[in-house]
Amino acid sequence: MADRGKQTVDSGVRTMEIGFLDHVEQRGQRSMLRELLEARFGDLPPAAVERLEAWPGDRLTELGRALMNATSLEEIGLGEAEDSDS
């Protein structure tokens, strides 16, 4: 029985490690995207920074690809025009 409890704990720790590593990876992606966005469009308005921080982690790569051809923050869903739809 002790082995089963240890396996459960090990599994829980591993799950936490993976979640933490995913979080760290997403923070790095967000940081890189922000640098690229600022290089292309200048200082980001606070609303754009908030949207970037709230962007789903599993869609950050998609946002990076869209940035390659974007001509405005609005075009990729980070601009002020997004507020007018609300």
C-alpha atoms as a PDB file:
ATOM      1  CA  MET A   1       0.000   0.000   0.000  1.00  0.00           C
ATOM      2  CA  ALA A   2       2.856   2.402   0.733  1.00  0.00           C
ATOM      3  CA  ASP A   3       4.048   2.123  -2.863  1.00  0.00           C
ATOM      4  CA  ARG A   4       0.639   3.194  -4.184  1.00  0.00           C
ATOM      5  CA  GLY A   5       0.672   6.286  -1.951  1.00  0.00           C
ATOM      6  CA  LYS A   6       4.203   7.168  -3.085  1.00  0.00           C
ATOM      7  CA  GLN A   7       3.183   6.755  -6.724  1.00  0.00           C
ATOM      8  CA  THR A   8       0.236   9.086  -6.184  1.00  0.00           C
ATOM      9  CA  VAL A   9       2.481  11.682  -4.554  1.00  0.00           C
ATOM     10  CA  ASP A  10       5.096  11.298  -7.307  1.00  0.00           C
ATOM     11  CA  SER A  11       2.390  11.696  -9.931  1.00  0.00           C
ATOM     12  CA  GLY A  12       1.042  14.805  -8.211  1.00  0.00           C
ATOM     13  CA  VAL A  13       4.517  16.325  -7.946  1.00  0.00           C
ATOM     14  CA  ARG A  14       5.177  15.587 -11.617  1.00  0.00           C
ATOM     15  CA  THR A  15       1.882  17.232 -12.592  1.00  0.00           C
ATOM     16  CA  MET A  16       2.839  20.311 -10.568  1.00  0.00           C
ATOM     17  CA  GLU A  17       6.276  20.402 -12.206  1.00  0.00           C
ATOM     18  CA  ILE A  18       4.749  20.263 -15.687  1.00  0.00           C
ATOM     19  CA  GLY A  19       2.262  23.000 -14.811  1.00  0.00           C
ATOM     20  CA  PHE A  20       5.051  25.191 -13.447  1.00  0.00           C
ATOM     21  CA  LEU A  21       7.240  24.630 -16.502  1.00  0.00           C
ATOM     22  CA  ASP A  22       4.312  25.460 -18.803  1.00  0.00           C
ATOM     23  CA  HIS A  23       3.759  28.669 -16.842  1.00  0.00           C
ATOM     24  CA  VAL A  24       7.429  29.638 -17.115  1.00  0.00           C
ATOM     25  CA  GLU A  25       7.458  28.872 -20.833  1.00  0.00           C
ATOM     26  CA  GLN A  26       4.362  31.005 -21.411  1.00  0.00           C
ATOM     27  CA  ARG A  27       5.888  33.900 -19.453  1.00  0.00           C
ATOM     28  CA  GLY A  28       8.939  33.699 -21.703  1.00  0.00           C
ATOM     29  CA  GLN A  29       6.772  33.633 -24.808  1.00  0.00           C
ATOM     30  CA  ARG A  30       4.761  36.633 -23.610  1.00  0.00           C
ATOM     31  CA  SER A  31       7.963  38.535 -22.863  1.00  0.00           C
ATOM     32  CA  MET A  32       9.382  37.803 -26.308  1.00  0.00           C
ATOM     33  CA  LEU A  33       6.098  38.705 -28.003  1.00  0.00           C
ATOM     34  CA  ARG A  34       5.959  41.992 -26.112  1.00  0.00           C
ATOM     35  CA  GLU A  35       9.490  42.850 -27.244  1.00  0.00           C
ATOM     36  CA  LEU A  36       8.624  42.030 -30.846  1.00  0.00           C
ATOM     37  CA  LEU A  37       5.364  43.971 -30.679  1.00  0.00           C
ATOM     38  CA  GLU A  38       7.143  47.021 -29.265  1.00  0.00           C
ATOM     39  CA  ALA A  39       9.875  46.775 -31.887  1.00  0.00           C
ATOM     40  CA  ARG A  40       7.235  46.806 -34.600  1.00  0.00           C
ATOM     41  CA  PHE A  41       4.578  49.151 -33.209  1.00  0.00           C
ATOM     42  CA  GLY A  42       6.349  51.161 -30.503  1.00  0.00           C
ATOM     43  CA  ASP A  43       5.298  51.373 -26.874  1.00  0.00           C
ATOM     44  CA  LEU A  44       2.184  49.311 -26.280  1.00  0.00           C
ATOM     45  CA  PRO A  45      -0.883  50.968 -24.783  1.00  0.00           C
ATOM     46  CA  PRO A  46      -1.833  49.547 -21.371  1.00  0.00           C
ATOM     47  CA  ALA A  47      -4.912  47.864 -22.873  1.00  0.00           C
ATOM     48  CA  ALA A  48      -2.735  45.972 -25.371  1.00  0.00           C
ATOM     49  CA  VAL A  49      -0.429  44.807 -22.569  1.00  0.00           C
ATOM     50  CA  GLU A  50      -3.452  43.597 -20.597  1.00  0.00           C
ATOM     51  CA  ARG A  51      -4.759  41.707 -23.633  1.00  0.00           C
ATOM     52  CA  LEU A  52      -1.349  40.110 -24.192  1.00  0.00           C
ATOM     53  CA  GLU A  53      -1.183  39.017 -20.544  1.00  0.00           C
ATOM     54  CA  ALA A  54      -4.684  37.532 -20.801  1.00  0.00           C
ATOM     55  CA  TRP A  55      -4.053  35.859 -24.169  1.00  0.00           C
ATOM     56  CA  PRO A  56      -4.608  32.079 -23.911  1.00  0.00           C
ATOM     57  CA  GLY A  57      -1.280  30.354 -23.374  1.00  0.00           C
ATOM     58  CA  ASP A  58      -2.004  27.716 -25.977  1.00  0.00           C
ATOM     59  CA  ARG A  59      -2.473  30.446 -28.620  1.00  0.00           C
ATOM     60  CA  LEU A  60       0.739  32.443 -28.058  1.00  0.00           C
ATOM     61  CA  THR A  61       2.545  30.799 -30.980  1.00  0.00           C
ATOM     62  CA  GLU A  62      -0.429  31.630 -33.211  1.00  0.00           C
ATOM     63  CA  LEU A  63      -0.192  35.267 -32.091  1.00  0.00           C
ATOM     64  CA  GLY A  64       3.518  35.286 -32.911  1.00  0.00           C
ATOM     65  CA  ARG A  65       2.828  33.996 -36.415  1.00  0.00           C
ATOM     66  CA  ALA A  66       0.124  36.625 -36.933  1.00  0.00           C
ATOM     67  CA  LEU A  67       2.570  39.311 -35.807  1.00  0.00           C
ATOM     68  CA  MET A  68       4.879  38.471 -38.701  1.00  0.00           C
ATOM     69  CA  ASN A  69       2.455  39.983 -41.228  1.00  0.00           C
ATOM     70  CA  ALA A  70       0.429  42.354 -39.044  1.00  0.00           C
ATOM     71  CA  THR A  71       0.272  46.032 -39.872  1.00  0.00           C
ATOM     72  CA  SER A  72      -1.535  47.073 -36.686  1.00  0.00           C
ATOM     73  CA  LEU A  73      -2.331  45.891 -33.186  1.00  0.00           C
ATOM     74  CA  GLU A  74      -6.008  45.822 -34.152  1.00  0.00           C
ATOM     75  CA  GLU A  75      -5.277  43.318 -36.897  1.00  0.00           C
ATOM     76  CA  ILE A  76      -4.035  40.749 -34.375  1.00  0.00           C
ATOM     77  CA  GLY A  77      -6.616  41.433 -31.684  1.00  0.00           C
ATOM     78  CA  LEU A  78      -4.547  43.611 -29.352  1.00  0.00           C
ATOM     79  CA  GLY A  79      -5.652  47.061 -30.459  1.00  0.00           C
ATOM     80  CA  GLU A  80      -8.164  49.614 -29.280  1.00  0.00           C
ATOM     81  CA  ALA A  81     -10.699  48.679 -31.949  1.00  0.00           C
ATOM     82  CA  GLU A  82     -11.361  45.501 -29.993  1.00  0.00           C
ATOM     83  CA  ASP A  83     -13.081  47.563 -27.265  1.00  0.00           C
ATOM     84  CA  SER A  84     -15.652  49.022 -29.652  1.00  0.00           C
ATOM     85  CA  ASP A  85     -17.212  45.587 -30.228  1.00  0.00           C
ATOM     86  CA  SER A  86     -18.137  45.249 -26.546  1.00  0.00           C
END
